[in-house]
Amino acid sequence: MFPARIVRIIPAGFYFKAELECGFPLDAFITGRSVEEMGLNEGTEVFASFKATAIHSIRKK
């Protein structure tokens, strides 16, 4: 689990992409319903948690 702050929330089709800052940049894809129910906004402090099998690493150029 990583403490994080939501930097930006961007619509991405059926989901929303939440750009997080938790000592390193981390993107999370969440449903619109979750955004509403959790009251997520830019600047909201959250904890990022995920299953190890759900990770996609992308090489930075």
N, C-alpha and C. Protein backbone atom coordinates (compact mmCIF):
# COMPACT_ATOMS: atom_id res chain seq x y z
N MET A 1 0.84 -1.17 0.00
CA MET A 1 0.00 0.00 0.00
C MET A 1 0.89 1.24 0.00
N PHE A 2 0.53 2.22 -0.83
CA PHE A 2 1.31 3.45 -0.94
C PHE A 2 0.42 4.66 -0.66
N PRO A 3 0.79 5.53 0.28
CA PRO A 3 0.05 6.79 0.43
C PRO A 3 0.31 7.62 -0.82
N ALA A 4 -0.74 8.23 -1.35
CA ALA A 4 -0.62 8.97 -2.61
C ALA A 4 -1.57 10.16 -2.63
N ARG A 5 -1.32 11.05 -3.59
CA ARG A 5 -2.21 12.20 -3.84
C ARG A 5 -2.63 12.14 -5.30
N ILE A 6 -3.90 12.36 -5.56
CA ILE A 6 -4.40 12.37 -6.94
C ILE A 6 -3.96 13.68 -7.59
N VAL A 7 -3.19 13.57 -8.66
CA VAL A 7 -2.70 14.74 -9.39
C VAL A 7 -3.72 15.16 -10.45
N ARG A 8 -4.28 14.16 -11.13
CA ARG A 8 -5.21 14.46 -12.22
C ARG A 8 -6.14 13.27 -12.43
N ILE A 9 -7.39 13.54 -12.81
CA ILE A 9 -8.34 12.49 -13.18
C ILE A 9 -8.80 12.78 -14.60
N ILE A 10 -8.59 11.81 -15.49
CA ILE A 10 -8.87 12.00 -16.91
C ILE A 10 -9.84 10.92 -17.38
N PRO A 11 -10.94 11.30 -18.06
CA PRO A 11 -11.83 10.28 -18.64
C PRO A 11 -11.05 9.43 -19.64
N ALA A 12 -11.25 8.11 -19.59
CA ALA A 12 -10.57 7.18 -20.50
C ALA A 12 -11.55 6.09 -20.91
N GLY A 13 -12.52 6.47 -21.75
CA GLY A 13 -13.54 5.51 -22.17
C GLY A 13 -14.48 5.19 -21.02
N PHE A 14 -14.67 3.90 -20.75
CA PHE A 14 -15.56 3.46 -19.68
C PHE A 14 -14.96 3.77 -18.30
N TYR A 15 -13.66 3.93 -18.22
CA TYR A 15 -12.96 4.17 -16.97
C TYR A 15 -12.47 5.60 -16.86
N PHE A 16 -11.87 5.91 -15.73
CA PHE A 16 -11.15 7.15 -15.54
C PHE A 16 -9.72 6.79 -15.19
N LYS A 17 -8.78 7.58 -15.69
CA LYS A 17 -7.37 7.38 -15.36
C LYS A 17 -7.02 8.38 -14.26
N ALA A 18 -6.61 7.87 -13.12
CA ALA A 18 -6.18 8.73 -12.02
C ALA A 18 -4.66 8.71 -11.99
N GLU A 19 -4.07 9.88 -12.18
CA GLU A 19 -2.62 10.00 -12.11
C GLU A 19 -2.28 10.32 -10.66
N LEU A 20 -1.49 9.44 -10.05
CA LEU A 20 -1.15 9.56 -8.64
C LEU A 20 0.32 9.91 -8.46
N GLU A 21 0.61 10.59 -7.36
CA GLU A 21 2.00 10.85 -6.96
C GLU A 21 2.17 10.21 -5.59
N CYS A 22 3.06 9.23 -5.53
CA CYS A 22 3.30 8.54 -4.26
C CYS A 22 4.80 8.32 -4.05
N GLY A 23 5.57 9.36 -4.39
CA GLY A 23 7.03 9.23 -4.36
C GLY A 23 7.56 8.83 -5.72
N PHE A 24 6.65 8.36 -6.56
CA PHE A 24 6.90 8.03 -7.96
C PHE A 24 5.54 8.12 -8.65
N PRO A 25 5.50 8.38 -9.96
CA PRO A 25 4.21 8.48 -10.63
C PRO A 25 3.56 7.10 -10.77
N LEU A 26 2.25 7.05 -10.54
CA LEU A 26 1.50 5.80 -10.65
C LEU A 26 0.14 6.12 -11.26
N ASP A 27 -0.25 5.39 -12.29
CA ASP A 27 -1.56 5.58 -12.91
C ASP A 27 -2.48 4.45 -12.48
N ALA A 28 -3.72 4.82 -12.17
CA ALA A 28 -4.73 3.83 -11.78
C ALA A 28 -5.96 4.04 -12.65
N PHE A 29 -6.57 2.96 -13.10
CA PHE A 29 -7.81 3.03 -13.87
C PHE A 29 -8.95 2.60 -12.97
N ILE A 30 -9.95 3.48 -12.84
CA ILE A 30 -11.08 3.24 -11.94
C ILE A 30 -12.38 3.58 -12.65
N THR A 31 -13.46 3.01 -12.19
CA THR A 31 -14.77 3.27 -12.80
C THR A 31 -15.31 4.62 -12.36
N GLY A 32 -16.19 5.17 -13.17
CA GLY A 32 -16.85 6.42 -12.83
C GLY A 32 -17.65 6.29 -11.54
N ARG A 33 -18.25 5.14 -11.35
CA ARG A 33 -19.03 4.89 -10.12
C ARG A 33 -18.13 4.98 -8.89
N SER A 34 -16.92 4.41 -8.98
CA SER A 34 -15.97 4.48 -7.87
C SER A 34 -15.52 5.91 -7.62
N VAL A 35 -15.30 6.67 -8.68
CA VAL A 35 -14.91 8.08 -8.53
C VAL A 35 -15.98 8.81 -7.73
N GLU A 36 -17.25 8.60 -8.09
CA GLU A 36 -18.36 9.25 -7.40
C GLU A 36 -18.51 8.76 -5.96
N GLU A 37 -18.57 7.44 -5.78
CA GLU A 37 -18.81 6.88 -4.45
C GLU A 37 -17.72 7.23 -3.44
N MET A 38 -16.47 7.30 -3.92
CA MET A 38 -15.36 7.63 -3.01
C MET A 38 -15.08 9.12 -2.94
N GLY A 39 -15.80 9.93 -3.76
CA GLY A 39 -15.60 11.38 -3.74
C GLY A 39 -14.19 11.78 -4.14
N LEU A 40 -13.66 11.12 -5.17
CA LEU A 40 -12.29 11.39 -5.60
C LEU A 40 -12.21 12.65 -6.44
N ASN A 41 -11.23 13.47 -6.16
CA ASN A 41 -10.98 14.71 -6.89
C ASN A 41 -9.47 14.93 -6.94
N GLU A 42 -9.04 15.83 -7.80
CA GLU A 42 -7.63 16.19 -7.83
C GLU A 42 -7.26 16.77 -6.47
N GLY A 43 -6.14 16.32 -5.94
CA GLY A 43 -5.69 16.77 -4.63
C GLY A 43 -6.10 15.85 -3.48
N THR A 44 -7.02 14.91 -3.75
CA THR A 44 -7.46 13.98 -2.71
C THR A 44 -6.30 13.07 -2.30
N GLU A 45 -6.13 12.89 -0.99
CA GLU A 45 -5.12 11.97 -0.46
C GLU A 45 -5.75 10.58 -0.39
N VAL A 46 -5.06 9.58 -0.94
CA VAL A 46 -5.57 8.21 -1.00
C VAL A 46 -4.45 7.22 -0.67
N PHE A 47 -4.80 5.96 -0.59
CA PHE A 47 -3.82 4.88 -0.51
C PHE A 47 -3.97 4.04 -1.77
N ALA A 48 -2.88 3.79 -2.46
CA ALA A 48 -2.89 2.95 -3.66
C ALA A 48 -2.55 1.53 -3.24
N SER A 49 -3.40 0.60 -3.65
CA SER A 49 -3.21 -0.80 -3.34
C SER A 49 -3.59 -1.61 -4.57
N PHE A 50 -2.88 -2.69 -4.84
CA PHE A 50 -3.18 -3.47 -6.03
C PHE A 50 -2.62 -4.87 -5.88
N LYS A 51 -3.13 -5.78 -6.69
CA LYS A 51 -2.61 -7.15 -6.72
C LYS A 51 -1.36 -7.19 -7.59
N ALA A 52 -0.38 -7.95 -7.17
CA ALA A 52 0.87 -8.04 -7.92
C ALA A 52 0.64 -8.51 -9.36
N THR A 53 -0.37 -9.34 -9.59
CA THR A 53 -0.64 -9.83 -10.94
C THR A 53 -1.27 -8.77 -11.84
N ALA A 54 -1.66 -7.62 -11.27
CA ALA A 54 -2.31 -6.56 -12.04
C ALA A 54 -1.33 -5.49 -12.50
N ILE A 55 -0.06 -5.66 -12.22
CA ILE A 55 0.93 -4.63 -12.56
C ILE A 55 1.36 -4.73 -14.02
N HIS A 56 1.45 -3.57 -14.67
CA HIS A 56 2.00 -3.45 -16.01
C HIS A 56 3.14 -2.45 -15.92
N SER A 57 4.35 -2.87 -16.12
CA SER A 57 5.46 -1.91 -16.08
C SER A 57 5.80 -1.49 -17.49
N ILE A 58 6.10 -0.20 -17.63
CA ILE A 58 6.41 0.38 -18.93
C ILE A 58 7.76 1.07 -18.81
N ARG A 59 8.66 0.71 -19.70
CA ARG A 59 10.01 1.29 -19.68
C ARG A 59 9.95 2.76 -20.04
N LYS A 60 10.58 3.57 -19.20
CA LYS A 60 10.65 5.01 -19.46
C LYS A 60 11.79 5.30 -20.43
N LYS A 61 11.52 6.09 -21.45
CA LYS A 61 12.54 6.41 -22.45
C LYS A 61 13.29 7.66 -22.09
